[in-house]
Structures are given as C-alpha cells and as structure tokens.
Amino acid sequence: MVKRFKFIRDKRNEMGLTIEQLADRAHVSPDLISRLERGSRDDVSLSRLESILDALNLKLGDVFDQTELDEQSNQFVQAFYLMDSEKKKQYAKIFMEIIDLNS
C-alpha cells in the first residue's frame, strides 16, 4: 500500500510529538494516526485530516505537495487553489457530492 501520509510521521517526529500527543492535539484517535502513518489506512474524512494537519501546523494543500499525483490531478489542485474562497466552497461541495463523501 502507498504510504500517502508518511509525511505526517516525518512532521510529527520533527516536532518531537508522540502519536498520542498528536492525536490529543488533533482530537482524533491514536489508532487513526498510526494507521495513516503506516499506510494501512488512507480513507480519512476531510475534517479529521484537517484537524491532524492543523495540529502539525500544515495546510490541506501540503498533502498534495507530499503526494505524487498525475498531471491532471495537479492541474485540478492548482486551479482549485487559485479560486476565491466562495468559489472553492461551491466546487468543494460539488466535488464532495460527486465522490459521495457527504453521505
């Protein structure tokens, strides 16, 4: 399995945090952190991922900087981040409905 979230471990270690400390700061379970870091889980809700990233002083865009994406995905991400905040909200809602993460 691809270790898409390996950078979380790297950043956590850089900050001198244990898994439990990061989980406490992010208000998520230590098991979630551990499984993301090991690559045994990559299906995490956006709100939980944002909580983890906030605790690490990272932004959602940093995930894309750490993850290998194909060219079309990179173009999508770049276009999305150039939008104003209202347009981002509109497109995010549409995208979430398409991939059915809101259900």
C-alpha atoms as a PDB file:
ATOM      1  CA  MET A   1       0.000   0.000   0.000  1.00  0.00           C
ATOM      2  CA  VAL A   2       1.210   3.501  -0.798  1.00  0.00           C
ATOM      3  CA  LYS A   3       2.236   5.432   2.270  1.00  0.00           C
ATOM      4  CA  ARG A   4       0.412   8.565   1.206  1.00  0.00           C
ATOM      5  CA  PHE A   5       0.539  10.044   4.696  1.00  0.00           C
ATOM      6  CA  LYS A   6       4.123   9.136   5.607  1.00  0.00           C
ATOM      7  CA  PHE A   7       4.858  12.863   5.795  1.00  0.00           C
ATOM      8  CA  ILE A   8       2.635  13.001   8.904  1.00  0.00           C
ATOM      9  CA  ARG A   9       5.122  10.782  10.767  1.00  0.00           C
ATOM     10  CA  ASP A  10       8.023  12.852   9.468  1.00  0.00           C
ATOM     11  CA  LYS A  11       6.432  16.126  10.616  1.00  0.00           C
ATOM     12  CA  ARG A  12       5.317  14.617  13.944  1.00  0.00           C
ATOM     13  CA  ASN A  13       8.853  13.401  14.631  1.00  0.00           C
ATOM     14  CA  GLU A  14      10.297  16.750  13.560  1.00  0.00           C
ATOM     15  CA  MET A  15       8.015  18.421  16.149  1.00  0.00           C
ATOM     16  CA  GLY A  16       9.027  15.881  18.808  1.00  0.00           C
ATOM     17  CA  LEU A  17       5.484  14.591  19.288  1.00  0.00           C
ATOM     18  CA  THR A  18       4.362  11.076  20.090  1.00  0.00           C
ATOM     19  CA  ILE A  19       1.412   9.564  18.258  1.00  0.00           C
ATOM     20  CA  GLU A  20      -0.671  10.033  21.407  1.00  0.00           C
ATOM     21  CA  GLN A  21       0.298  13.701  21.737  1.00  0.00           C
ATOM     22  CA  LEU A  22      -0.579  14.410  18.111  1.00  0.00           C
ATOM     23  CA  ALA A  23      -3.865  12.530  18.447  1.00  0.00           C
ATOM     24  CA  ASP A  24      -4.717  14.558  21.555  1.00  0.00           C
ATOM     25  CA  ARG A  25      -3.933  17.855  19.819  1.00  0.00           C
ATOM     26  CA  ALA A  26      -5.941  16.828  16.738  1.00  0.00           C
ATOM     27  CA  HIS A  27      -8.858  15.324  18.712  1.00  0.00           C
ATOM     28  CA  VAL A  28      -8.589  12.014  16.859  1.00  0.00           C
ATOM     29  CA  SER A  29      -7.664   8.517  17.963  1.00  0.00           C
ATOM     30  CA  PRO A  30      -4.022   7.433  18.206  1.00  0.00           C
ATOM     31  CA  ASP A  31      -5.043   4.412  16.100  1.00  0.00           C
ATOM     32  CA  LEU A  32      -6.040   6.698  13.217  1.00  0.00           C
ATOM     33  CA  ILE A  33      -2.686   8.495  13.313  1.00  0.00           C
ATOM     34  CA  SER A  34      -0.792   5.215  13.496  1.00  0.00           C
ATOM     35  CA  ARG A  35      -2.687   3.623  10.631  1.00  0.00           C
ATOM     36  CA  LEU A  36      -2.292   6.687   8.396  1.00  0.00           C
ATOM     37  CA  GLU A  37       1.441   6.827   9.052  1.00  0.00           C
ATOM     38  CA  ARG A  38       1.890   3.108   8.357  1.00  0.00           C
ATOM     39  CA  GLY A  39      -0.141   3.278   5.179  1.00  0.00           C
ATOM     40  CA  SER A  40      -2.671   0.744   6.389  1.00  0.00           C
ATOM     41  CA  ARG A  41      -5.406   3.350   6.056  1.00  0.00           C
ATOM     42  CA  ASP A  42      -5.831   6.145   3.574  1.00  0.00           C
ATOM     43  CA  ASP A  43      -9.558   6.784   3.836  1.00  0.00           C
ATOM     44  CA  VAL A  44      -9.810   9.632   6.294  1.00  0.00           C
ATOM     45  CA  SER A  45     -12.530  12.245   6.475  1.00  0.00           C
ATOM     46  CA  LEU A  46     -11.597  15.719   5.399  1.00  0.00           C
ATOM     47  CA  SER A  47     -12.449  17.157   8.816  1.00  0.00           C
ATOM     48  CA  ARG A  48     -10.210  14.657  10.629  1.00  0.00           C
ATOM     49  CA  LEU A  49      -7.388  15.198   8.168  1.00  0.00           C
ATOM     50  CA  GLU A  50      -7.670  18.963   8.614  1.00  0.00           C
ATOM     51  CA  SER A  51      -7.550  18.510  12.401  1.00  0.00           C
ATOM     52  CA  ILE A  52      -4.359  16.466  12.099  1.00  0.00           C
ATOM     53  CA  LEU A  53      -2.812  18.944   9.702  1.00  0.00           C
ATOM     54  CA  ASP A  54      -3.746  21.892  11.953  1.00  0.00           C
ATOM     55  CA  ALA A  55      -2.048  20.166  14.887  1.00  0.00           C
ATOM     56  CA  LEU A  56       1.062  19.845  12.716  1.00  0.00           C
ATOM     57  CA  ASN A  57       0.867  23.475  11.518  1.00  0.00           C
ATOM     58  CA  LEU A  58       0.209  22.267   7.984  1.00  0.00           C
ATOM     59  CA  LYS A  59      -2.474  23.131   5.430  1.00  0.00           C
ATOM     60  CA  LEU A  60      -4.583  20.831   3.306  1.00  0.00           C
ATOM     61  CA  GLY A  61      -2.562  21.883   0.270  1.00  0.00           C
ATOM     62  CA  ASP A  62       0.529  20.425   1.919  1.00  0.00           C
ATOM     63  CA  VAL A  63      -0.970  16.944   1.420  1.00  0.00           C
ATOM     64  CA  PHE A  64      -0.770  17.471  -2.299  1.00  0.00           C
ATOM     65  CA  ASP A  65       2.796  18.689  -2.041  1.00  0.00           C
ATOM     66  CA  GLN A  66       3.661  15.395  -0.310  1.00  0.00           C
ATOM     67  CA  THR A  67       1.639  13.084  -2.549  1.00  0.00           C
ATOM     68  CA  GLU A  68       2.507  12.056  -6.065  1.00  0.00           C
ATOM     69  CA  LEU A  69      -0.346  12.993  -8.355  1.00  0.00           C
ATOM     70  CA  ASP A  70      -0.783  12.611 -12.057  1.00  0.00           C
ATOM     71  CA  GLU A  71      -0.652  15.694 -14.265  1.00  0.00           C
ATOM     72  CA  GLN A  72      -4.426  16.100 -14.495  1.00  0.00           C
ATOM     73  CA  SER A  73      -4.781  15.938 -10.708  1.00  0.00           C
ATOM     74  CA  ASN A  74      -2.028  18.525 -10.321  1.00  0.00           C
ATOM     75  CA  GLN A  75      -3.843  20.842 -12.732  1.00  0.00           C
ATOM     76  CA  PHE A  76      -7.079  20.395 -10.785  1.00  0.00           C
ATOM     77  CA  VAL A  77      -5.396  21.175  -7.460  1.00  0.00           C
ATOM     78  CA  GLN A  78      -3.628  24.226  -8.856  1.00  0.00           C
ATOM     79  CA  ALA A  79      -6.835  25.591 -10.391  1.00  0.00           C
ATOM     80  CA  PHE A  80      -8.751  24.946  -7.169  1.00  0.00           C
ATOM     81  CA  TYR A  81      -6.262  26.842  -5.013  1.00  0.00           C
ATOM     82  CA  LEU A  82      -6.348  29.831  -7.355  1.00  0.00           C
ATOM     83  CA  MET A  83     -10.114  30.244  -6.848  1.00  0.00           C
ATOM     84  CA  ASP A  84     -11.559  32.726  -4.379  1.00  0.00           C
ATOM     85  CA  SER A  85     -12.939  31.251  -1.166  1.00  0.00           C
ATOM     86  CA  GLU A  86     -16.601  31.367  -2.217  1.00  0.00           C
ATOM     87  CA  LYS A  87     -15.895  29.566  -5.470  1.00  0.00           C
ATOM     88  CA  LYS A  88     -13.782  26.992  -3.578  1.00  0.00           C
ATOM     89  CA  LYS A  89     -16.752  26.291  -1.308  1.00  0.00           C
ATOM     90  CA  GLN A  90     -19.058  25.824  -4.304  1.00  0.00           C
ATOM     91  CA  TYR A  91     -16.690  23.497  -6.150  1.00  0.00           C
ATOM     92  CA  ALA A  92     -15.779  21.571  -2.997  1.00  0.00           C
ATOM     93  CA  LYS A  93     -19.469  20.901  -2.362  1.00  0.00           C
ATOM     94  CA  ILE A  94     -19.964  19.699  -5.926  1.00  0.00           C
ATOM     95  CA  PHE A  95     -16.850  17.550  -5.791  1.00  0.00           C
ATOM     96  CA  MET A  96     -17.868  16.009  -2.469  1.00  0.00           C
ATOM     97  CA  GLU A  97     -21.277  15.159  -3.901  1.00  0.00           C
ATOM     98  CA  ILE A  98     -19.659  13.551  -6.928  1.00  0.00           C
ATOM     99  CA  ILE A  99     -17.414  11.317  -4.863  1.00  0.00           C
ATOM    100  CA  ASP A 100     -20.192  10.773  -2.328  1.00  0.00           C
ATOM    101  CA  LEU A 101     -18.200  11.628   0.791  1.00  0.00           C
ATOM    102  CA  ASN A 102     -21.074  13.582   2.300  1.00  0.00           C
ATOM    103  CA  SER A 103     -23.328  10.564   2.751  1.00  0.00           C
END
